[in-house]
Amino acid sequence: MSRLRVANRGEAAVGREHAAHRCRERVVQGGRRRLLCGRGVRLLQLDGLVAKVATALAAHAPVELDDDAGARRAAVAVVLSDDGDPALLFIRRQVRAGDPWSGQMAFPGGFRAADDEPDLLTARRETLEETGLDLGTSRFLGVLDDVSPRTPFLPPLVVTPHVFLVPDRAPVTPGAEAEEVLWIAVRDLFDPDNQTAYAVPLPTGTRDFPAIRVGSRVVWGLTERIIRQVAGLAGIAF
């Protein structure tokens, strides 16, 4: 008679940890075959992600939000590396009084320098100022859907994400408005094990928002929603 062995909670946790560790080693050492593994299970394959995003964006008609209600316009740069282990470029904003996004993880970007400044120019200019990365020679892939805050407790804002492709994870340096600049691997951003909730205190009570935790850093809000758009273009849901 065969026997079925049931592991206790501690053994199951160790097993999941070991399986996830093996999977991450394959991601690093497996050459072009890059698999995303979460909860000890092979979940997503990242092969061809850059090509999928580029192809989808070429045919994408971005949703444009109305700013007639006095919302300010801003543009961000979603900078994707094409180096075999795709990564996205982030900043951690300086902690500043009066800034509702103070200290948060974000894509480089900001408000227009003038009302007639093209959003594409805004994204490139702000990226250079905040990270030292010049996108002038990068490949511009296209525009994602506009995003706006989903709470009335934030200033009216419309953000247009612009996607750029660079050949590798270029050296970056934080500018005056950035506390930190870093590349985060797409495999970590899309890993189901890194999906979490972020509790935000609001005047009406605490509200949980979808978030991504990578190490000590938490990405949520508009930035998390933009990441989901990138994943959707590649046919990935998380």
Protein backbone atom coordinates (compact mmCIF):
# COMPACT_ATOMS: atom_id res chain seq x y z
CA MET A 1 0.00 0.00 0.00
CA SER A 2 1.40 3.39 -0.92
CA ARG A 3 1.64 6.02 1.77
CA LEU A 4 0.70 9.67 1.44
CA ARG A 5 2.95 11.94 3.45
CA VAL A 6 1.43 15.24 4.58
CA ALA A 7 3.94 17.93 5.53
CA ASN A 8 3.27 20.20 8.45
CA ARG A 9 3.03 23.97 7.99
CA GLY A 10 6.71 24.51 8.75
CA GLU A 11 7.84 21.84 6.30
CA ALA A 12 5.52 23.18 3.61
CA ALA A 13 6.94 26.67 4.05
CA VAL A 14 10.50 25.37 3.74
CA GLY A 15 9.54 23.43 0.62
CA ARG A 16 8.05 26.51 -1.00
CA GLU A 17 11.13 28.53 -0.12
CA HIS A 18 13.45 25.93 -1.67
CA ALA A 19 11.33 25.66 -4.83
CA ALA A 20 11.24 29.43 -5.24
CA HIS A 21 15.02 29.59 -4.70
CA ARG A 22 15.67 26.99 -7.43
CA CYS A 23 13.44 28.92 -9.75
CA ARG A 24 15.25 32.20 -9.18
CA GLU A 25 18.58 30.48 -9.86
CA ARG A 26 17.19 29.32 -13.23
CA VAL A 27 16.13 32.86 -14.00
CA VAL A 28 19.64 34.14 -13.40
CA GLN A 29 21.60 31.27 -14.94
CA GLY A 30 19.23 29.89 -17.55
CA GLY A 31 20.29 32.11 -20.45
CA ARG A 32 17.48 33.28 -22.68
CA ARG A 33 14.95 30.92 -21.11
CA ARG A 34 13.72 33.10 -18.27
CA LEU A 35 10.85 31.81 -16.21
CA LEU A 36 8.96 33.63 -13.52
CA CYS A 37 8.22 31.38 -10.56
CA GLY A 38 6.01 32.29 -7.66
CA ARG A 39 4.76 30.22 -4.74
CA GLY A 40 7.05 27.41 -5.87
CA VAL A 41 5.18 26.97 -9.15
CA ARG A 42 6.27 27.86 -12.67
CA LEU A 43 3.77 30.61 -13.53
CA LEU A 44 4.92 32.95 -16.25
CA GLN A 45 7.45 32.88 -19.04
CA LEU A 46 9.24 36.14 -19.80
CA ASP A 47 10.82 35.05 -23.09
CA GLY A 48 10.15 37.67 -25.76
CA LEU A 49 8.62 40.16 -23.32
CA VAL A 50 10.31 43.17 -24.92
CA ALA A 51 9.18 42.16 -28.42
CA LYS A 52 5.63 41.52 -27.18
CA VAL A 53 5.44 44.95 -25.53
CA ALA A 54 6.84 46.70 -28.61
CA THR A 55 4.43 44.93 -30.95
CA ALA A 56 1.41 45.60 -28.74
CA LEU A 57 2.27 49.27 -28.31
CA ALA A 58 2.62 49.76 -32.06
CA ALA A 59 -1.07 48.87 -32.41
CA HIS A 60 -2.26 50.42 -29.15
CA ALA A 61 -4.71 53.34 -29.12
CA PRO A 62 -4.11 54.92 -25.70
CA VAL A 63 -7.05 56.03 -23.58
CA GLU A 64 -6.84 59.80 -23.04
CA LEU A 65 -8.46 61.23 -19.91
CA ASP A 66 -10.23 64.57 -19.85
CA ASP A 67 -8.45 67.32 -17.94
CA ASP A 68 -11.20 69.94 -18.20
CA ALA A 69 -11.79 69.79 -14.44
CA GLY A 70 -8.56 71.67 -13.83
CA ALA A 71 -6.32 68.62 -13.54
CA ARG A 72 -2.64 69.24 -14.12
CA ARG A 73 -0.92 67.30 -16.89
CA ALA A 74 2.18 65.24 -16.21
CA ALA A 75 4.23 62.71 -18.16
CA VAL A 76 6.39 59.83 -16.98
CA ALA A 77 8.97 57.66 -18.72
CA VAL A 78 8.58 53.89 -18.49
CA VAL A 79 12.13 52.89 -19.40
CA LEU A 80 12.54 49.20 -20.27
CA SER A 81 15.95 47.57 -20.70
CA ASP A 82 16.55 45.04 -23.48
CA ASP A 83 19.46 43.12 -21.97
CA GLY A 84 18.16 39.56 -21.67
CA ASP A 85 16.84 40.21 -18.15
CA PRO A 86 14.41 43.12 -18.73
CA ALA A 87 14.19 45.75 -16.03
CA LEU A 88 12.30 49.00 -15.46
CA LEU A 89 13.80 52.25 -14.19
CA PHE A 90 12.42 53.77 -10.97
CA ILE A 91 13.08 56.66 -8.67
CA ARG A 92 12.24 57.07 -5.01
CA ARG A 93 11.05 60.61 -4.57
CA GLN A 94 12.61 62.94 -2.06
CA VAL A 95 10.68 63.39 1.17
CA ARG A 96 9.31 66.90 0.96
CA ALA A 97 6.65 68.73 2.94
CA GLY A 98 3.53 69.47 0.94
CA ASP A 99 4.25 66.81 -1.69
CA PRO A 100 1.42 64.21 -1.66
CA TRP A 101 3.73 61.71 -3.38
CA SER A 102 6.64 62.38 -1.03
CA GLY A 103 9.01 59.44 -0.60
CA GLN A 104 7.13 57.14 -2.97
CA MET A 105 8.48 54.84 -5.65
CA ALA A 106 7.68 56.22 -9.09
CA PHE A 107 8.66 56.33 -12.72
CA PRO A 108 10.81 59.36 -13.61
CA GLY A 109 8.65 62.21 -14.81
CA GLY A 110 6.81 65.31 -13.80
CA PHE A 111 4.76 68.29 -14.88
CA ARG A 112 5.13 70.17 -18.13
CA ALA A 113 7.62 73.04 -18.02
CA ALA A 114 5.13 75.07 -20.07
CA ASP A 115 1.55 74.54 -21.18
CA ASP A 116 2.67 73.91 -24.76
CA GLU A 117 5.49 71.48 -23.91
CA PRO A 118 4.85 68.11 -25.63
CA ASP A 119 4.38 65.25 -23.18
CA LEU A 120 7.14 63.26 -24.90
CA LEU A 121 9.59 66.09 -24.27
CA THR A 122 8.44 66.37 -20.67
CA ALA A 123 9.11 62.68 -20.04
CA ARG A 124 12.59 62.88 -21.57
CA ARG A 125 13.51 66.12 -19.79
CA GLU A 126 12.34 64.92 -16.38
CA THR A 127 14.15 61.61 -16.78
CA LEU A 128 17.41 63.38 -17.52
CA GLU A 129 16.95 65.70 -14.53
CA GLU A 130 15.97 62.95 -12.08
CA THR A 131 18.21 60.07 -13.18
CA GLY A 132 20.93 61.46 -15.46
CA LEU A 133 19.74 59.12 -18.23
CA ASP A 134 19.47 60.80 -21.63
CA LEU A 135 16.65 59.21 -23.62
CA GLY A 136 17.47 61.19 -26.74
CA THR A 137 18.93 58.15 -28.49
CA SER A 138 16.56 55.58 -26.99
CA ARG A 139 13.81 53.82 -28.94
CA PHE A 140 10.40 55.31 -28.22
CA LEU A 141 7.84 52.48 -28.22
CA GLY A 142 4.60 54.33 -27.64
CA VAL A 143 2.11 55.70 -25.12
CA LEU A 144 0.12 53.83 -22.48
CA ASP A 145 -3.34 54.79 -21.22
CA ASP A 146 -3.60 57.92 -19.09
CA VAL A 147 -3.96 57.37 -15.35
CA SER A 148 -5.39 59.58 -12.61
CA PRO A 149 -5.70 59.24 -8.81
CA ARG A 150 -8.74 57.24 -7.70
CA THR A 151 -9.20 59.21 -4.49
CA PRO A 152 -10.54 62.76 -4.11
CA PHE A 153 -7.95 63.39 -1.42
CA LEU A 154 -5.19 63.90 -3.99
CA PRO A 155 -4.82 66.89 -6.34
CA PRO A 156 -6.50 66.46 -9.77
CA LEU A 157 -3.87 64.99 -12.06
CA VAL A 158 -3.62 63.26 -15.43
CA VAL A 159 -0.43 61.26 -16.07
CA THR A 160 0.56 60.05 -19.52
CA PRO A 161 3.11 57.18 -19.48
CA HIS A 162 5.60 57.03 -22.36
CA VAL A 163 7.50 53.79 -22.96
CA PHE A 164 11.16 53.81 -24.02
CA LEU A 165 13.52 50.96 -24.81
CA VAL A 166 17.22 51.11 -23.94
CA PRO A 167 19.82 48.42 -24.72
CA ASP A 168 20.94 47.83 -21.14
CA ARG A 169 20.70 49.00 -17.54
CA ALA A 170 22.68 52.18 -17.96
CA PRO A 171 24.35 53.79 -14.92
CA VAL A 172 22.00 56.30 -13.28
CA THR A 173 22.40 58.99 -10.63
CA PRO A 174 19.65 60.59 -8.53
CA GLY A 175 18.90 64.23 -9.27
CA ALA A 176 17.61 66.90 -6.91
CA GLU A 177 14.07 65.46 -6.69
CA ALA A 178 15.10 61.81 -6.30
CA GLU A 179 16.35 60.14 -3.15
CA GLU A 180 17.25 57.00 -5.08
CA VAL A 181 17.36 55.73 -8.66
CA LEU A 182 17.38 52.03 -9.43
CA TRP A 183 16.57 49.35 -11.98
CA ILE A 184 14.13 46.63 -10.86
CA ALA A 185 13.93 43.38 -12.82
CA VAL A 186 10.58 42.73 -14.49
CA ARG A 187 10.65 39.15 -13.16
CA ASP A 188 10.54 40.58 -9.62
CA LEU A 189 7.78 43.07 -10.42
CA PHE A 190 5.58 40.39 -12.00
CA ASP A 191 6.30 37.69 -9.39
CA PRO A 192 2.99 36.75 -7.70
CA ASP A 193 4.86 36.28 -4.43
CA ASN A 194 5.63 40.01 -4.47
CA GLN A 195 2.03 41.12 -4.90
CA THR A 196 0.62 42.61 -1.71
CA ALA A 197 -1.63 45.34 -0.33
CA TYR A 198 -0.53 48.72 0.94
CA ALA A 199 -2.61 50.35 3.69
CA VAL A 200 -3.04 54.10 3.26
CA PRO A 201 -4.63 56.25 5.99
CA LEU A 202 -7.29 58.55 4.52
CA PRO A 203 -9.69 61.02 6.15
CA THR A 204 -12.44 58.43 5.68
CA GLY A 205 -10.38 55.60 7.17
CA THR A 206 -7.60 53.26 6.12
CA ARG A 207 -7.82 51.87 2.59
CA ASP A 208 -5.83 49.02 1.07
CA PHE A 209 -4.35 49.52 -2.39
CA PRO A 210 -2.79 46.86 -4.65
CA ALA A 211 0.99 47.00 -4.35
CA ILE A 212 4.24 45.29 -5.29
CA ARG A 213 6.91 44.69 -2.66
CA VAL A 214 10.47 44.12 -3.88
CA GLY A 215 12.80 43.90 -0.92
CA SER A 216 12.21 46.92 1.28
CA ARG A 217 10.55 48.94 -1.50
CA VAL A 218 6.81 49.13 -2.11
CA VAL A 219 5.34 50.24 -5.43
CA TRP A 220 1.67 51.22 -5.39
CA GLY A 221 -0.83 53.77 -6.70
CA LEU A 222 -0.45 55.20 -10.19
CA THR A 223 2.92 53.51 -10.66
CA GLU A 224 1.54 50.06 -9.84
CA ARG A 225 -1.31 50.62 -12.29
CA ILE A 226 1.15 51.56 -15.04
CA ILE A 227 3.15 48.38 -14.38
CA ARG A 228 -0.04 46.36 -14.85
CA GLN A 229 -0.50 48.01 -18.24
CA VAL A 230 2.98 46.87 -19.27
CA ALA A 231 2.21 43.35 -18.08
CA GLY A 232 -1.06 43.37 -20.01
CA LEU A 233 0.72 44.29 -23.23
CA ALA A 234 2.89 41.20 -22.78
CA GLY A 235 -0.14 39.02 -22.12
CA ILE A 236 0.68 38.60 -18.43
CA ALA A 237 -1.88 38.88 -15.66
CA PHE A 238 -0.99 38.99 -11.99
